[in-house]
Amino acid sequence: MTRTREIFKVTIIGSVVNVLLLVLKFVAGVLGHSSAMVADAVHSLSDFLTDIVVLVFVTISGKPNDKKHEYGHGKFETLAMTIIGFVLVIVAVGIISKGVVTIDDFFEGQELEAPGMLALWAAVISIVSKEAVYRYSIVKARKLQSQALEANAWHHRSDALSSIGTLVGVGGAIFLGQKWVILDPIASVVVGVFIGKVAFELLRDGIGDLTDKALPESVEQEILNMVSGLDNVGNPHNLKTRRIGNHYAIELHVKMDGDISLREAHDKATEIENLLRSKYGKETHVAVHVEPF
């Protein structure tokens, strides 16, 4: 199975789970009078929408190089991750603002209706199912080296953890009595804050890659050490790195004996390219500039 089709398969499985949970949570939130569960349902809706984003952009990123995209279409996958981050920001702001308004109403004397057991059971089902989808998705994402799929996996995990907050809030409101009904909207705010944290991390990484942020310093040092270890190659310098989707792009200068032939210099540069591709993947873009000692 090709990489793109494998990502499709994982995303479709997550989408089916999201749709089922979306319906369950909205019904449980409305019938069970739980603002935390409704907030959780909105989160599941955002999960489903981001599944669609992943499917669309992974299809584009899987296309081969062409005249307009000579470095490939890998950054479309990074763009998908960034869009997921923006969606989560909107979801987080909406959930937090709704929860804060409900809490304010409570302290102004408005009586809140205690959530029902239906909302509690919906939270339990959500935690178990979303954690299972997260574990399945994250293993596949790392195996396939897919940024978009990994971002979506963390979206599943954020839904599972937010449902834990919902479970605590709903359970407290049900079992501790009417004066603790405030725990339900408080839980919805906690859910929103957690979603916001995940959104920030996705946006930070996505925008960094889209603006050609360098690879981590540890990776750059590893590259310099590998090249320095080759015979007849000295002083690797002027290293430039970035990500193109799930691939690396590496450019560097090296020094060699100025009296060797052009063919020898070419063969040594090719050796450097092959060494780096063997470490970071055959799709790694490597450019080596040779200078004389």
C-alpha atoms as a PDB file:
ATOM      1  CA  MET A   1       0.000   0.000   0.000  1.00  0.00           C
ATOM      2  CA  THR A   2       1.381   3.458  -0.941  1.00  0.00           C
ATOM      3  CA  ARG A   3       2.135   6.068   1.714  1.00  0.00           C
ATOM      4  CA  THR A   4      -0.768   8.301   0.606  1.00  0.00           C
ATOM      5  CA  ARG A   5      -3.278   5.432   0.640  1.00  0.00           C
ATOM      6  CA  GLU A   6      -2.066   4.325   4.067  1.00  0.00           C
ATOM      7  CA  ILE A   7      -2.582   7.854   5.434  1.00  0.00           C
ATOM      8  CA  PHE A   8      -6.039   7.865   3.835  1.00  0.00           C
ATOM      9  CA  LYS A   9      -6.915   4.592   5.551  1.00  0.00           C
ATOM     10  CA  VAL A  10      -5.858   5.849   9.003  1.00  0.00           C
ATOM     11  CA  THR A  11      -7.675   9.162   8.533  1.00  0.00           C
ATOM     12  CA  ILE A  12     -10.902   7.514   7.349  1.00  0.00           C
ATOM     13  CA  ILE A  13     -10.948   5.251  10.425  1.00  0.00           C
ATOM     14  CA  GLY A  14     -10.562   8.326  12.622  1.00  0.00           C
ATOM     15  CA  SER A  15     -13.296  10.123  10.678  1.00  0.00           C
ATOM     16  CA  VAL A  16     -15.821   7.331  11.275  1.00  0.00           C
ATOM     17  CA  VAL A  17     -15.097   7.418  15.004  1.00  0.00           C
ATOM     18  CA  ASN A  18     -15.385  11.218  15.017  1.00  0.00           C
ATOM     19  CA  VAL A  19     -18.788  11.207  13.308  1.00  0.00           C
ATOM     20  CA  LEU A  20     -20.188   8.628  15.730  1.00  0.00           C
ATOM     21  CA  LEU A  21     -18.845  10.527  18.744  1.00  0.00           C
ATOM     22  CA  LEU A  22     -20.045  13.833  17.330  1.00  0.00           C
ATOM     23  CA  VAL A  23     -23.642  12.592  17.247  1.00  0.00           C
ATOM     24  CA  LEU A  24     -23.365  10.887  20.643  1.00  0.00           C
ATOM     25  CA  LYS A  25     -21.886  13.937  22.378  1.00  0.00           C
ATOM     26  CA  PHE A  26     -24.375  16.446  20.970  1.00  0.00           C
ATOM     27  CA  VAL A  27     -27.307  14.233  21.944  1.00  0.00           C
ATOM     28  CA  ALA A  28     -25.806  13.556  25.385  1.00  0.00           C
ATOM     29  CA  GLY A  29     -24.939  17.239  25.879  1.00  0.00           C
ATOM     30  CA  VAL A  30     -28.400  18.511  24.943  1.00  0.00           C
ATOM     31  CA  LEU A  31     -30.481  15.790  26.623  1.00  0.00           C
ATOM     32  CA  GLY A  32     -28.066  15.559  29.564  1.00  0.00           C
ATOM     33  CA  HIS A  33     -27.970  19.368  30.059  1.00  0.00           C
ATOM     34  CA  SER A  34     -24.161  19.480  30.037  1.00  0.00           C
ATOM     35  CA  SER A  35     -22.297  22.491  28.633  1.00  0.00           C
ATOM     36  CA  ALA A  36     -19.026  20.596  29.039  1.00  0.00           C
ATOM     37  CA  MET A  37     -20.333  17.773  26.859  1.00  0.00           C
ATOM     38  CA  VAL A  38     -21.574  20.212  24.210  1.00  0.00           C
ATOM     39  CA  ALA A  39     -18.097  21.762  24.211  1.00  0.00           C
ATOM     40  CA  ASP A  40     -16.654  18.285  23.793  1.00  0.00           C
ATOM     41  CA  ALA A  41     -19.024  17.726  20.864  1.00  0.00           C
ATOM     42  CA  VAL A  42     -17.750  20.903  19.193  1.00  0.00           C
ATOM     43  CA  HIS A  43     -14.239  19.542  19.618  1.00  0.00           C
ATOM     44  CA  SER A  44     -15.268  16.328  17.880  1.00  0.00           C
ATOM     45  CA  LEU A  45     -16.759  18.413  15.067  1.00  0.00           C
ATOM     46  CA  SER A  46     -13.392  20.139  14.643  1.00  0.00           C
ATOM     47  CA  ASP A  47     -11.770  16.677  14.578  1.00  0.00           C
ATOM     48  CA  PHE A  48     -13.995  15.679  11.673  1.00  0.00           C
ATOM     49  CA  LEU A  49     -13.282  18.897   9.765  1.00  0.00           C
ATOM     50  CA  THR A  50      -9.527  18.476  10.198  1.00  0.00           C
ATOM     51  CA  ASP A  51      -9.811  14.894   8.919  1.00  0.00           C
ATOM     52  CA  ILE A  52     -11.109  16.405   5.688  1.00  0.00           C
ATOM     53  CA  VAL A  53      -8.183  18.858   5.624  1.00  0.00           C
ATOM     54  CA  VAL A  54      -5.723  15.990   6.014  1.00  0.00           C
ATOM     55  CA  LEU A  55      -7.332  13.976   3.219  1.00  0.00           C
ATOM     56  CA  VAL A  56      -7.236  16.913   0.801  1.00  0.00           C
ATOM     57  CA  PHE A  57      -3.706  18.122   1.524  1.00  0.00           C
ATOM     58  CA  VAL A  58      -2.072  14.711   1.800  1.00  0.00           C
ATOM     59  CA  THR A  59      -3.414  13.957  -1.669  1.00  0.00           C
ATOM     60  CA  ILE A  60      -1.677  17.083  -2.958  1.00  0.00           C
ATOM     61  CA  SER A  61       1.562  16.485  -1.024  1.00  0.00           C
ATOM     62  CA  GLY A  62       1.813  12.976  -2.468  1.00  0.00           C
ATOM     63  CA  LYS A  63       2.148  14.276  -6.017  1.00  0.00           C
ATOM     64  CA  PRO A  64       5.601  13.966  -7.638  1.00  0.00           C
ATOM     65  CA  ASN A  65       7.808  16.964  -8.485  1.00  0.00           C
ATOM     66  CA  ASP A  66       6.678  19.064 -11.420  1.00  0.00           C
ATOM     67  CA  LYS A  67       7.832  22.198 -13.234  1.00  0.00           C
ATOM     68  CA  LYS A  68       6.035  24.525 -10.816  1.00  0.00           C
ATOM     69  CA  HIS A  69       7.079  22.595  -7.699  1.00  0.00           C
ATOM     70  CA  GLU A  70      10.617  21.406  -8.328  1.00  0.00           C
ATOM     71  CA  TYR A  71      11.143  20.623  -4.644  1.00  0.00           C
ATOM     72  CA  GLY A  72       7.940  18.573  -4.528  1.00  0.00           C
ATOM     73  CA  HIS A  73       4.621  19.227  -2.806  1.00  0.00           C
ATOM     74  CA  GLY A  74       5.676  18.250   0.722  1.00  0.00           C
ATOM     75  CA  LYS A  75       4.865  21.626   2.284  1.00  0.00           C
ATOM     76  CA  PHE A  76       1.175  21.125   1.547  1.00  0.00           C
ATOM     77  CA  GLU A  77       1.269  18.566   4.367  1.00  0.00           C
ATOM     78  CA  THR A  78       2.834  21.174   6.660  1.00  0.00           C
ATOM     79  CA  LEU A  79       0.125  23.607   5.553  1.00  0.00           C
ATOM     80  CA  ALA A  80      -2.487  21.039   6.611  1.00  0.00           C
ATOM     81  CA  MET A  81      -0.910  20.862  10.071  1.00  0.00           C
ATOM     82  CA  THR A  82      -1.001  24.670  10.320  1.00  0.00           C
ATOM     83  CA  ILE A  83      -4.664  24.809   9.278  1.00  0.00           C
ATOM     84  CA  ILE A  84      -5.488  22.238  11.962  1.00  0.00           C
ATOM     85  CA  GLY A  85      -3.766  24.517  14.475  1.00  0.00           C
ATOM     86  CA  PHE A  86      -5.864  27.513  13.397  1.00  0.00           C
ATOM     87  CA  VAL A  87      -9.067  25.463  13.605  1.00  0.00           C
ATOM     88  CA  LEU A  88      -8.171  24.422  17.138  1.00  0.00           C
ATOM     89  CA  VAL A  89      -7.549  28.062  18.138  1.00  0.00           C
ATOM     90  CA  ILE A  90     -11.073  28.979  17.008  1.00  0.00           C
ATOM     91  CA  VAL A  91     -12.523  25.960  18.836  1.00  0.00           C
ATOM     92  CA  ALA A  92     -10.609  26.810  22.034  1.00  0.00           C
ATOM     93  CA  VAL A  93     -11.685  30.478  22.047  1.00  0.00           C
ATOM     94  CA  GLY A  94     -15.332  29.537  21.479  1.00  0.00           C
ATOM     95  CA  ILE A  95     -15.385  26.914  24.231  1.00  0.00           C
ATOM     96  CA  ILE A  96     -13.595  29.104  26.791  1.00  0.00           C
ATOM     97  CA  SER A  97     -15.783  32.154  26.158  1.00  0.00           C
ATOM     98  CA  LYS A  98     -18.983  30.078  26.420  1.00  0.00           C
ATOM     99  CA  GLY A  99     -17.790  28.483  29.670  1.00  0.00           C
ATOM    100  CA  VAL A 100     -16.796  31.840  31.202  1.00  0.00           C
ATOM    101  CA  VAL A 101     -20.219  33.318  30.391  1.00  0.00           C
ATOM    102  CA  THR A 102     -21.963  30.335  32.024  1.00  0.00           C
ATOM    103  CA  ILE A 103     -19.778  30.604  35.135  1.00  0.00           C
ATOM    104  CA  ASP A 104     -20.527  34.345  35.367  1.00  0.00           C
ATOM    105  CA  ASP A 105     -24.262  33.636  35.072  1.00  0.00           C
ATOM    106  CA  PHE A 106     -23.996  31.112  37.923  1.00  0.00           C
ATOM    107  CA  PHE A 107     -22.337  33.590  40.290  1.00  0.00           C
ATOM    108  CA  GLU A 108     -24.955  36.191  39.388  1.00  0.00           C
ATOM    109  CA  GLY A 109     -27.616  33.859  40.715  1.00  0.00           C
ATOM    110  CA  GLN A 110     -28.774  31.978  37.637  1.00  0.00           C
ATOM    111  CA  GLU A 111     -29.548  28.350  38.488  1.00  0.00           C
ATOM    112  CA  LEU A 112     -27.813  25.758  36.336  1.00  0.00           C
ATOM    113  CA  GLU A 113     -29.397  22.415  35.557  1.00  0.00           C
ATOM    114  CA  ALA A 114     -27.359  19.423  36.718  1.00  0.00           C
ATOM    115  CA  PRO A 115     -26.142  17.174  33.889  1.00  0.00           C
ATOM    116  CA  GLY A 116     -27.562  13.671  33.529  1.00  0.00           C
ATOM    117  CA  MET A 117     -25.938  10.216  33.474  1.00  0.00           C
ATOM    118  CA  LEU A 118     -26.154  10.134  29.682  1.00  0.00           C
ATOM    119  CA  ALA A 119     -23.486  12.852  29.531  1.00  0.00           C
ATOM    120  CA  LEU A 120     -21.284  10.885  31.953  1.00  0.00           C
ATOM    121  CA  TRP A 121     -21.405   7.705  29.876  1.00  0.00           C
ATOM    122  CA  ALA A 122     -20.770   9.657  26.685  1.00  0.00           C
ATOM    123  CA  ALA A 123     -17.579  11.027  28.254  1.00  0.00           C
ATOM    124  CA  VAL A 124     -16.391   7.509  29.178  1.00  0.00           C
ATOM    125  CA  ILE A 125     -17.036   6.207  25.663  1.00  0.00           C
ATOM    126  CA  SER A 126     -15.238   9.205  24.163  1.00  0.00           C
ATOM    127  CA  ILE A 127     -12.126   8.736  26.327  1.00  0.00           C
ATOM    128  CA  VAL A 128     -11.743   5.065  25.465  1.00  0.00           C
ATOM    129  CA  SER A 129     -12.429   5.375  21.737  1.00  0.00           C
ATOM    130  CA  LYS A 130     -10.365   8.523  21.108  1.00  0.00           C
ATOM    131  CA  GLU A 131      -7.356   7.234  23.030  1.00  0.00           C
ATOM    132  CA  ALA A 132      -7.498   4.053  20.929  1.00  0.00           C
ATOM    133  CA  VAL A 133      -7.631   6.095  17.694  1.00  0.00           C
ATOM    134  CA  TYR A 134      -4.751   8.300  18.924  1.00  0.00           C
ATOM    135  CA  ARG A 135      -2.494   5.312  19.629  1.00  0.00           C
ATOM    136  CA  TYR A 136      -3.270   3.763  16.240  1.00  0.00           C
ATOM    137  CA  SER A 137      -2.759   7.065  14.393  1.00  0.00           C
ATOM    138  CA  ILE A 138       0.486   8.107  16.116  1.00  0.00           C
ATOM    139  CA  VAL A 139       2.153   4.762  15.382  1.00  0.00           C
ATOM    140  CA  LYS A 140       1.185   5.037  11.710  1.00  0.00           C
ATOM    141  CA  ALA A 141       2.183   8.733  11.547  1.00  0.00           C
ATOM    142  CA  ARG A 142       5.696   8.040  12.794  1.00  0.00           C
ATOM    143  CA  LYS A 143       6.076   5.008  10.577  1.00  0.00           C
ATOM    144  CA  LEU A 144       4.956   7.030   7.524  1.00  0.00           C
ATOM    145  CA  GLN A 145       6.750  10.222   8.677  1.00  0.00           C
ATOM    146  CA  SER A 146       3.590  12.277   8.130  1.00  0.00           C
ATOM    147  CA  GLN A 147       3.352  15.682   9.832  1.00  0.00           C
ATOM    148  CA  ALA A 148      -0.337  16.061   9.019  1.00  0.00           C
ATOM    149  CA  LEU A 149      -1.209  12.598  10.319  1.00  0.00           C
ATOM    150  CA  GLU A 150       0.788  13.173  13.504  1.00  0.00           C
ATOM    151  CA  ALA A 151      -0.959  16.523  14.027  1.00  0.00           C
ATOM    152  CA  ASN A 152      -4.298  14.805  13.558  1.00  0.00           C
ATOM    153  CA  ALA A 153      -3.258  12.062  15.993  1.00  0.00           C
ATOM    154  CA  TRP A 154      -2.569  14.693  18.657  1.00  0.00           C
ATOM    155  CA  HIS A 155      -5.957  16.189  17.837  1.00  0.00           C
ATOM    156  CA  HIS A 156      -7.457  12.792  18.720  1.00  0.00           C
ATOM    157  CA  ARG A 157      -5.424  12.726  21.954  1.00  0.00           C
ATOM    158  CA  SER A 158      -6.580  16.257  22.847  1.00  0.00           C
ATOM    159  CA  ASP A 159     -10.165  15.085  22.422  1.00  0.00           C
ATOM    160  CA  ALA A 160      -9.542  12.102  24.720  1.00  0.00           C
ATOM    161  CA  LEU A 161      -7.938  14.298  27.396  1.00  0.00           C
ATOM    162  CA  SER A 162     -10.622  16.960  27.088  1.00  0.00           C
ATOM    163  CA  SER A 163     -13.203  14.229  27.658  1.00  0.00           C
ATOM    164  CA  ILE A 164     -11.400  13.370  30.902  1.00  0.00           C
ATOM    165  CA  GLY A 165     -11.982  16.974  31.999  1.00  0.00           C
ATOM    166  CA  THR A 166     -15.597  16.630  30.912  1.00  0.00           C
ATOM    167  CA  LEU A 167     -15.937  13.383  32.880  1.00  0.00           C
ATOM    168  CA  VAL A 168     -14.621  15.032  36.048  1.00  0.00           C
ATOM    169  CA  GLY A 169     -16.876  18.064  35.634  1.00  0.00           C
ATOM    170  CA  VAL A 170     -19.990  16.097  34.774  1.00  0.00           C
ATOM    171  CA  GLY A 171     -19.329  13.478  37.466  1.00  0.00           C
ATOM    172  CA  GLY A 172     -18.776  16.146  40.112  1.00  0.00           C
ATOM    173  CA  ALA A 173     -21.926  17.993  39.101  1.00  0.00           C
ATOM    174  CA  ILE A 174     -23.969  14.767  39.258  1.00  0.00           C
ATOM    175  CA  PHE A 175     -22.650  13.170  42.441  1.00  0.00           C
ATOM    176  CA  LEU A 176     -21.715  16.143  44.670  1.00  0.00           C
ATOM    177  CA  GLY A 177     -25.047  17.945  44.646  1.00  0.00           C
ATOM    178  CA  GLN A 178     -26.583  21.106  43.185  1.00  0.00           C
ATOM    179  CA  LYS A 179     -23.997  23.526  44.601  1.00  0.00           C
ATOM    180  CA  TRP A 180     -21.289  21.733  42.574  1.00  0.00           C
ATOM    181  CA  VAL A 181     -23.105  22.034  39.250  1.00  0.00           C
ATOM    182  CA  ILE A 182     -20.613  24.843  38.494  1.00  0.00           C
ATOM    183  CA  LEU A 183     -17.996  22.097  37.903  1.00  0.00           C
ATOM    184  CA  ASP A 184     -19.585  21.364  34.523  1.00  0.00           C
ATOM    185  CA  PRO A 185     -18.884  24.776  32.889  1.00  0.00           C
ATOM    186  CA  ILE A 186     -15.522  24.930  34.686  1.00  0.00           C
ATOM    187  CA  ALA A 187     -14.644  21.639  33.006  1.00  0.00           C
ATOM    188  CA  SER A 188     -15.591  23.115  29.641  1.00  0.00           C
ATOM    189  CA  VAL A 189     -13.129  25.993  30.220  1.00  0.00           C
ATOM    190  CA  VAL A 190     -10.389  23.510  31.150  1.00  0.00           C
ATOM    191  CA  VAL A 191     -11.139  21.629  27.924  1.00  0.00           C
ATOM    192  CA  GLY A 192     -10.791  24.882  25.977  1.00  0.00           C
ATOM    193  CA  VAL A 193      -7.443  25.736  27.603  1.00  0.00           C
ATOM    194  CA  PHE A 194      -6.037  22.314  26.795  1.00  0.00           C
ATOM    195  CA  ILE A 195      -7.176  22.571  23.180  1.00  0.00           C
ATOM    196  CA  GLY A 196      -5.523  25.999  22.991  1.00  0.00           C
ATOM    197  CA  LYS A 197      -2.208  24.520  24.179  1.00  0.00           C
ATOM    198  CA  VAL A 198      -2.284  21.860  21.467  1.00  0.00           C
ATOM    199  CA  ALA A 199      -3.185  24.525  18.883  1.00  0.00           C
ATOM    200  CA  PHE A 200      -0.207  26.678  19.911  1.00  0.00           C
ATOM    201  CA  GLU A 201       2.211  23.762  19.506  1.00  0.00           C
ATOM    202  CA  LEU A 202       0.858  22.854  16.058  1.00  0.00           C
ATOM    203  CA  LEU A 203       0.996  26.467  14.869  1.00  0.00           C
ATOM    204  CA  ARG A 204       4.506  26.937  16.233  1.00  0.00           C
ATOM    205  CA  ASP A 205       5.833  23.898  14.345  1.00  0.00           C
ATOM    206  CA  GLY A 206       3.772  24.457  11.193  1.00  0.00           C
ATOM    207  CA  ILE A 207       4.605  28.138  10.770  1.00  0.00           C
ATOM    208  CA  GLY A 208       8.236  27.391  11.569  1.00  0.00           C
ATOM    209  CA  ASP A 209       8.471  24.868   8.735  1.00  0.00           C
ATOM    210  CA  LEU A 210       6.533  27.052   6.287  1.00  0.00           C
ATOM    211  CA  THR A 211       8.951  29.921   6.949  1.00  0.00           C
ATOM    212  CA  ASP A 212      11.967  27.630   6.415  1.00  0.00           C
ATOM    213  CA  LYS A 213      12.989  27.336  10.050  1.00  0.00           C
ATOM    214  CA  ALA A 214      16.281  25.447  10.403  1.00  0.00           C
ATOM    215  CA  LEU A 215      16.350  21.870  11.662  1.00  0.00           C
ATOM    216  CA  PRO A 216      17.096  21.399  15.385  1.00  0.00           C
ATOM    217  CA  GLU A 217      20.658  22.235  16.410  1.00  0.00           C
ATOM    218  CA  SER A 218      21.263  18.605  17.400  1.00  0.00           C
ATOM    219  CA  VAL A 219      20.417  17.444  13.851  1.00  0.00           C
ATOM    220  CA  GLU A 220      22.672  20.090  12.287  1.00  0.00           C
ATOM    221  CA  GLN A 221      25.558  19.065  14.541  1.00  0.00           C
ATOM    222  CA  GLU A 222      24.957  15.427  13.609  1.00  0.00           C
ATOM    223  CA  ILE A 223      25.207  16.356   9.921  1.00  0.00           C
ATOM    224  CA  LEU A 224      28.502  18.199  10.451  1.00  0.00           C
ATOM    225  CA  ASN A 225      29.937  15.289  12.447  1.00  0.00           C
ATOM    226  CA  MET A 226      28.980  12.755   9.764  1.00  0.00           C
ATOM    227  CA  VAL A 227      30.577  14.788   6.967  1.00  0.00           C
ATOM    228  CA  SER A 228      33.685  15.559   9.019  1.00  0.00           C
ATOM    229  CA  GLY A 229      34.228  11.825   9.516  1.00  0.00           C
ATOM    230  CA  LEU A 230      34.743  11.197   5.784  1.00  0.00           C
ATOM    231  CA  ASP A 231      38.279  10.798   4.434  1.00  0.00           C
ATOM    232  CA  ASN A 232      39.728  13.704   2.448  1.00  0.00           C
ATOM    233  CA  VAL A 233      36.851  16.018   3.368  1.00  0.00           C
ATOM    234  CA  GLY A 234      37.480  18.959   5.661  1.00  0.00           C
ATOM    235  CA  ASN A 235      35.862  21.926   7.308  1.00  0.00           C
ATOM    236  CA  PRO A 236      32.143  21.425   6.512  1.00  0.00           C
ATOM    237  CA  HIS A 237      30.617  24.897   6.871  1.00  0.00           C
ATOM    238  CA  ASN A 238      27.894  27.286   5.708  1.00  0.00           C
ATOM    239  CA  LEU A 239      25.317  24.617   6.585  1.00  0.00           C
ATOM    240  CA  LYS A 240      21.701  25.455   5.729  1.00  0.00           C
ATOM    241  CA  THR A 241      18.795  23.168   6.594  1.00  0.00           C
ATOM    242  CA  ARG A 242      14.998  23.166   6.492  1.00  0.00           C
ATOM    243  CA  ARG A 243      12.058  20.818   6.191  1.00  0.00           C
ATOM    244  CA  ILE A 244      10.045  20.226   3.024  1.00  0.00           C
ATOM    245  CA  GLY A 245       7.006  18.360   4.324  1.00  0.00           C
ATOM    246  CA  ASN A 246       8.306  15.110   5.799  1.00  0.00           C
ATOM    247  CA  HIS A 247      11.716  15.436   4.074  1.00  0.00           C
ATOM    248  CA  TYR A 248      14.889  17.350   4.936  1.00  0.00           C
ATOM    249  CA  ALA A 249      16.719  19.809   2.695  1.00  0.00           C
ATOM    250  CA  ILE A 250      20.457  20.139   3.419  1.00  0.00           C
ATOM    251  CA  GLU A 251      22.990  22.468   1.806  1.00  0.00           C
ATOM    252  CA  LEU A 252      26.629  22.784   2.897  1.00  0.00           C
ATOM    253  CA  HIS A 253      30.132  23.696   1.772  1.00  0.00           C
ATOM    254  CA  VAL A 254      33.144  21.411   2.213  1.00  0.00           C
ATOM    255  CA  LYS A 255      36.854  21.742   1.460  1.00  0.00           C
ATOM    256  CA  MET A 256      38.993  19.249  -0.481  1.00  0.00           C
ATOM    257  CA  ASP A 257      42.506  19.105  -1.883  1.00  0.00           C
ATOM    258  CA  GLY A 258      42.680  21.640  -4.700  1.00  0.00           C
ATOM    259  CA  ASP A 259      44.919  19.381  -6.801  1.00  0.00           C
ATOM    260  CA  ILE A 260      42.504  16.443  -7.161  1.00  0.00           C
ATOM    261  CA  SER A 261      40.598  15.958 -10.411  1.00  0.00           C
ATOM    262  CA  LEU A 262      37.089  17.207 -11.036  1.00  0.00           C
ATOM    263  CA  ARG A 263      35.896  13.588 -11.180  1.00  0.00           C
ATOM    264  CA  GLU A 264      37.395  12.819  -7.749  1.00  0.00           C
ATOM    265  CA  ALA A 265      35.754  15.914  -6.254  1.00  0.00           C
ATOM    266  CA  HIS A 266      32.439  14.960  -7.864  1.00  0.00           C
ATOM    267  CA  ASP A 267      32.634  11.389  -6.557  1.00  0.00           C
ATOM    268  CA  LYS A 268      33.386  12.608  -3.039  1.00  0.00           C
ATOM    269  CA  ALA A 269      30.465  15.054  -3.152  1.00  0.00           C
ATOM    270  CA  THR A 270      28.242  12.186  -4.293  1.00  0.00           C
ATOM    271  CA  GLU A 271      29.518  10.123  -1.365  1.00  0.00           C
ATOM    272  CA  ILE A 272      28.448  12.898   0.996  1.00  0.00           C
ATOM    273  CA  GLU A 273      24.992  13.043  -0.606  1.00  0.00           C
ATOM    274  CA  ASN A 274      24.539   9.269  -0.345  1.00  0.00           C
ATOM    275  CA  LEU A 275      25.686   9.275   3.285  1.00  0.00           C
ATOM    276  CA  LEU A 276      23.127  11.913   4.265  1.00  0.00           C
ATOM    277  CA  ARG A 277      20.323  10.242   2.307  1.00  0.00           C
ATOM    278  CA  SER A 278      21.092   6.904   3.950  1.00  0.00           C
ATOM    279  CA  LYS A 279      20.615   8.614   7.316  1.00  0.00           C
ATOM    280  CA  TYR A 280      17.657  10.917   6.650  1.00  0.00           C
ATOM    281  CA  GLY A 281      15.824   9.199   3.773  1.00  0.00           C
ATOM    282  CA  LYS A 282      16.251   8.837   0.039  1.00  0.00           C
ATOM    283  CA  GLU A 283      14.012  11.860  -0.624  1.00  0.00           C
ATOM    284  CA  THR A 284      16.399  14.162   1.275  1.00  0.00           C
ATOM    285  CA  HIS A 285      17.479  17.125  -0.852  1.00  0.00           C
ATOM    286  CA  VAL A 286      21.270  17.521  -0.568  1.00  0.00           C
ATOM    287  CA  ALA A 287      23.440  20.176  -2.237  1.00  0.00           C
ATOM    288  CA  VAL A 288      27.209  20.090  -1.693  1.00  0.00           C
ATOM    289  CA  HIS A 289      29.502  22.959  -2.724  1.00  0.00           C
ATOM    290  CA  VAL A 290      33.182  21.990  -2.978  1.00  0.00           C
ATOM    291  CA  GLU A 291      35.985  24.477  -2.225  1.00  0.00           C
ATOM    292  CA  PRO A 292      39.777  23.951  -2.422  1.00  0.00           C
ATOM    293  CA  PHE A 293      41.874  24.022   0.760  1.00  0.00           C
END
